[in-house]
C-alpha cells in the first residue's frame, strides 16, 4: 500500500487502525513503511479521501496462492 501525499489530509484514521503499526506521520501526512506493511487494506478502507492505493509488491506470490493446495486434498501424481 502507498499514500498519495498530495491527497492525504493527515487525519490519522489509517495510523490508528493499522494492525502492523506500519503507518506513521512524516511532515503531517501519512507514510506507510513498505517493510512492515502486509497489504491488508485496512488503511485503504479507513481513508476518507482515497489517498491510499494498492501497489502490490509481490504479484507472482498472489498468483501462486490462487492455485495452492495448502491441505493436500488435491490429486497427487
C-alpha atoms as a PDB file:
ATOM      1  CA  UNK A   1       0.000   0.000   0.000  1.00  0.00           C
ATOM      2  CA  UNK A   2       1.134   3.528  -0.696  1.00  0.00           C
ATOM      3  CA  UNK A   3      -0.088   7.006   0.192  1.00  0.00           C
ATOM      4  CA  UNK A   4      -0.644   9.734  -2.358  1.00  0.00           C
ATOM      5  CA  UNK A   5       0.735  12.521  -0.210  1.00  0.00           C
ATOM      6  CA  UNK A   6      -0.824  15.183  -2.432  1.00  0.00           C
ATOM      7  CA  UNK A   7      -4.294  13.897  -1.487  1.00  0.00           C
ATOM      8  CA  UNK A   8      -3.640  12.898   2.160  1.00  0.00           C
ATOM      9  CA  UNK A   9      -5.119  15.381   4.651  1.00  0.00           C
ATOM     10  CA  UNK A  10      -3.313  13.951   7.694  1.00  0.00           C
ATOM     11  CA  UNK A  11      -6.443  12.889   9.587  1.00  0.00           C
ATOM     12  CA  UNK A  12      -4.711   9.872  11.180  1.00  0.00           C
ATOM     13  CA  UNK A  13      -7.515   7.349  10.612  1.00  0.00           C
ATOM     14  CA  UNK A  14      -5.160   4.925   8.860  1.00  0.00           C
ATOM     15  CA  UNK A  15      -2.452   5.336  11.501  1.00  0.00           C
ATOM     16  CA  UNK A  16      -4.801   4.339  14.312  1.00  0.00           C
ATOM     17  CA  UNK A  17      -6.175   1.242  12.537  1.00  0.00           C
ATOM     18  CA  UNK A  18      -3.064  -0.373  11.039  1.00  0.00           C
ATOM     19  CA  UNK A  19      -2.655  -3.828  12.646  1.00  0.00           C
ATOM     20  CA  UNK A  20       1.103  -3.855  11.936  1.00  0.00           C
ATOM     21  CA  UNK A  21       1.815  -0.266  13.066  1.00  0.00           C
ATOM     22  CA  UNK A  22       3.289   0.302   9.609  1.00  0.00           C
ATOM     23  CA  UNK A  23       1.923   3.828   9.193  1.00  0.00           C
ATOM     24  CA  UNK A  24       3.332   6.965  10.756  1.00  0.00           C
ATOM     25  CA  UNK A  25       3.242  10.690  10.134  1.00  0.00           C
ATOM     26  CA  UNK A  26       6.026  12.296   8.129  1.00  0.00           C
ATOM     27  CA  UNK A  27       5.637  16.041   7.668  1.00  0.00           C
ATOM     28  CA  UNK A  28       1.992  15.876   8.858  1.00  0.00           C
ATOM     29  CA  UNK A  29       0.974  13.277   6.254  1.00  0.00           C
ATOM     30  CA  UNK A  30       0.684   9.503   6.436  1.00  0.00           C
ATOM     31  CA  UNK A  31       3.632   7.391   5.348  1.00  0.00           C
ATOM     32  CA  UNK A  32       3.477   3.582   5.011  1.00  0.00           C
ATOM     33  CA  UNK A  33       6.583   1.569   5.866  1.00  0.00           C
ATOM     34  CA  UNK A  34       6.754  -0.918   2.991  1.00  0.00           C
ATOM     35  CA  UNK A  35       8.713  -3.463   5.031  1.00  0.00           C
ATOM     36  CA  UNK A  36       6.136  -3.650   7.838  1.00  0.00           C
ATOM     37  CA  UNK A  37       3.014  -3.383   5.640  1.00  0.00           C
ATOM     38  CA  UNK A  38       1.209  -6.660   4.957  1.00  0.00           C
ATOM     39  CA  UNK A  39      -1.135  -5.069   2.373  1.00  0.00           C
ATOM     40  CA  UNK A  40      -4.268  -5.998   4.323  1.00  0.00           C
ATOM     41  CA  UNK A  41      -6.196  -2.965   3.051  1.00  0.00           C
ATOM     42  CA  UNK A  42      -7.389  -1.735   6.453  1.00  0.00           C
ATOM     43  CA  UNK A  43      -5.818   1.678   5.878  1.00  0.00           C
ATOM     44  CA  UNK A  44      -7.350   1.965   2.431  1.00  0.00           C
ATOM     45  CA  UNK A  45     -10.813   1.250   3.813  1.00  0.00           C
ATOM     46  CA  UNK A  46     -10.320   3.832   6.581  1.00  0.00           C
ATOM     47  CA  UNK A  47      -9.152   6.628   4.275  1.00  0.00           C
ATOM     48  CA  UNK A  48     -11.927   9.138   3.726  1.00  0.00           C
ATOM     49  CA  UNK A  49     -10.205  10.908   0.833  1.00  0.00           C
ATOM     50  CA  UNK A  50      -8.944   7.861  -1.130  1.00  0.00           C
ATOM     51  CA  UNK A  51      -5.299   8.814  -0.654  1.00  0.00           C
ATOM     52  CA  UNK A  52      -4.177   5.199  -0.150  1.00  0.00           C
ATOM     53  CA  UNK A  53      -3.801   2.856  -3.083  1.00  0.00           C
ATOM     54  CA  UNK A  54      -2.652  -0.702  -3.592  1.00  0.00           C
ATOM     55  CA  UNK A  55       0.667  -1.201  -5.290  1.00  0.00           C
ATOM     56  CA  UNK A  56       1.177  -4.937  -4.871  1.00  0.00           C
ATOM     57  CA  UNK A  57       4.844  -5.722  -4.318  1.00  0.00           C
ATOM     58  CA  UNK A  58       4.597  -9.465  -4.948  1.00  0.00           C
ATOM     59  CA  UNK A  59       2.104 -10.152  -7.771  1.00  0.00           C
ATOM     60  CA  UNK A  60       3.734 -13.519  -8.517  1.00  0.00           C
ATOM     61  CA  UNK A  61       3.004 -14.740  -4.993  1.00  0.00           C
ATOM     62  CA  UNK A  62      -0.627 -13.708  -5.270  1.00  0.00           C
ATOM     63  CA  UNK A  63      -0.915 -15.718  -8.480  1.00  0.00           C
ATOM     64  CA  UNK A  64       0.792 -18.738  -6.928  1.00  0.00           C
ATOM     65  CA  UNK A  65      -1.538 -18.679  -3.925  1.00  0.00           C
ATOM     66  CA  UNK A  66      -4.603 -18.881  -6.144  1.00  0.00           C
ATOM     67  CA  UNK A  67      -3.724 -22.435  -7.120  1.00  0.00           C
ATOM     68  CA  UNK A  68      -2.094 -23.631  -3.917  1.00  0.00           C
ATOM     69  CA  UNK A  69      -3.292 -26.794  -2.213  1.00  0.00           C
ATOM     70  CA  UNK A  70      -2.473 -25.990   1.390  1.00  0.00           C
ATOM     71  CA  UNK A  71      -4.023 -29.069   2.981  1.00  0.00           C
ATOM     72  CA  UNK A  72      -3.021 -31.647   0.387  1.00  0.00           C
ATOM     73  CA  UNK A  73      -6.592 -32.559  -0.587  1.00  0.00           C
ATOM     74  CA  UNK A  74      -5.902 -32.401  -4.306  1.00  0.00           C
ATOM     75  CA  UNK A  75      -4.868 -35.283  -6.511  1.00  0.00           C
ATOM     76  CA  UNK A  76      -1.299 -36.478  -6.302  1.00  0.00           C
ATOM     77  CA  UNK A  77       0.752 -37.855  -9.129  1.00  0.00           C
END
